[in-house]
Protein backbone atom coordinates (compact mmCIF):
# COMPACT_ATOMS: atom_id res chain seq x y z
CA MET A 1 -36.62 -1.38 4.04
CA ILE A 2 -32.65 -1.66 3.60
CA LEU A 3 -32.51 2.16 3.09
CA LYS A 4 -34.43 2.64 6.43
CA ALA A 5 -32.10 0.40 8.34
CA PHE A 6 -29.09 2.33 6.90
CA SER A 7 -30.76 5.57 7.78
CA LYS A 8 -31.05 4.52 11.48
CA TYR A 9 -27.39 3.55 11.31
CA LEU A 10 -26.52 7.02 9.97
CA GLN A 11 -28.46 8.81 12.50
CA SER A 12 -26.76 7.15 15.40
CA TYR A 13 -23.38 8.36 14.41
CA ASN A 14 -21.41 11.53 14.85
CA GLU A 15 -22.16 14.18 11.99
CA ASP A 16 -18.33 14.66 11.21
CA THR A 17 -17.98 11.16 9.82
CA PRO A 18 -18.60 11.12 6.07
CA CYS A 19 -21.65 9.16 5.20
CA VAL A 20 -19.71 7.00 2.66
CA ILE A 21 -17.44 5.79 5.26
CA LEU A 22 -20.38 4.90 7.54
CA LEU A 23 -21.72 3.08 4.57
CA VAL A 24 -18.66 0.88 4.19
CA ARG A 25 -18.64 0.45 7.93
CA TRP A 26 -22.30 -0.62 8.15
CA ILE A 27 -21.94 -3.22 5.20
CA ARG A 28 -18.64 -4.61 6.67
CA LYS A 29 -20.39 -5.01 10.15
CA ILE A 30 -23.16 -6.90 8.36
CA LEU A 31 -20.98 -9.00 6.36
CA ASP A 32 -18.58 -9.96 9.26
CA LYS A 33 -21.36 -11.78 11.03
CA GLU A 34 -24.04 -14.34 10.18
CA PRO A 35 -27.33 -12.78 8.97
CA THR A 36 -30.06 -12.59 11.54
CA ASN A 37 -32.79 -10.85 9.66
CA ASN A 38 -34.02 -10.29 6.03
CA ILE A 39 -31.98 -7.11 5.43
CA GLU A 40 -28.66 -8.93 6.47
CA ARG A 41 -29.55 -11.95 4.22
CA ILE A 42 -30.26 -9.70 1.32
CA ILE A 43 -26.88 -7.66 1.80
CA HIS A 44 -25.08 -11.12 2.20
CA HIS A 45 -26.68 -12.47 -1.08
CA GLU A 46 -26.12 -9.29 -3.03
CA ILE A 47 -22.87 -7.54 -1.92
CA ASN A 48 -19.18 -8.57 -1.89
CA ILE A 49 -16.47 -6.55 -0.15
CA SER A 50 -12.77 -6.71 -1.05
CA LYS A 51 -9.69 -5.31 0.41
CA ASN A 52 -6.63 -4.19 -1.55
CA LYS A 53 -3.05 -4.26 -0.48
CA MET A 54 -3.33 -0.67 0.64
CA GLY A 55 -6.11 -1.48 3.05
CA MET A 56 -8.89 0.13 1.09
CA PHE A 57 -12.21 -1.57 0.54
CA LEU A 58 -14.26 -2.10 -2.59
CA LEU A 59 -17.95 -2.96 -2.67
CA THR A 60 -19.09 -4.88 -5.65
CA GLY A 61 -22.60 -6.28 -6.52
CA LYS A 62 -22.73 -10.02 -6.86
CA GLY A 63 -25.17 -9.35 -9.70
CA LYS A 64 -27.18 -6.76 -11.41
CA SER A 65 -29.56 -6.28 -8.42
CA GLY A 66 -26.52 -6.11 -6.18
CA GLN A 67 -25.01 -3.28 -8.30
CA THR A 68 -28.35 -1.40 -8.16
CA LEU A 69 -28.47 -1.93 -4.30
CA ILE A 70 -25.04 -0.52 -3.91
CA GLU A 71 -25.89 2.38 -6.17
CA SER A 72 -29.05 3.13 -4.25
CA LEU A 73 -27.18 3.01 -0.80
CA TYR A 74 -24.47 5.23 -2.11
CA SER A 75 -27.08 7.93 -3.59
CA PHE A 76 -28.71 7.76 -0.28
CA ALA A 77 -25.48 8.38 1.57
CA MET A 78 -24.61 11.41 -0.69
CA SER A 79 -28.00 12.72 -0.33
CA TYR A 80 -27.85 12.55 3.52
CA GLU A 81 -24.40 14.28 3.28
CA GLN A 82 -25.92 17.04 1.25
CA GLN A 83 -28.70 17.49 3.71
CA LYS A 84 -26.14 17.79 6.54
CA PHE A 85 -24.27 20.37 4.53
CA THR A 86 -27.46 22.33 3.74
CA ARG A 87 -28.58 22.19 7.35
CA TRP A 88 -25.16 23.69 8.37
CA VAL A 89 -25.36 26.51 5.84
CA HIS A 90 -28.76 27.30 6.99
CA ASN A 91 -27.78 27.48 10.58
CA THR A 92 -24.46 29.38 9.92
CA LYS A 93 -24.61 33.30 9.87
CA ALA A 94 -22.37 35.52 7.97
CA SER A 95 -20.96 36.98 11.31
CA ASP A 96 -19.56 33.53 11.98
CA PHE A 97 -16.88 34.23 9.40
CA ASP A 98 -15.96 37.47 10.65
CA GLU A 99 -12.35 37.77 11.90
CA LYS A 100 -12.09 38.39 15.54
CA GLU A 101 -9.53 41.00 16.82
CA MET A 102 -6.89 39.67 19.01
């Protein structure tokens, strides 16, 4: 159910944005507000987000199940990224890389 919600979020964004960045944005968006459904309650209960001095974010699990959730979401984001790349390779022709004479 959480992966399905994240999948819908991924599908609603530009394909040029890396999925890992979208994952952090999605979790931050959920953690920045009060939970309204079970998915948001689980994320609030299981995941913590921290920001370092350089402005980078770190996702940590509050427990073993939180760590597993983060790993699953990360794996899903990476597989989605791989699927986008595979689709791009499949739709690209060798002639797309030929230099055009000016």
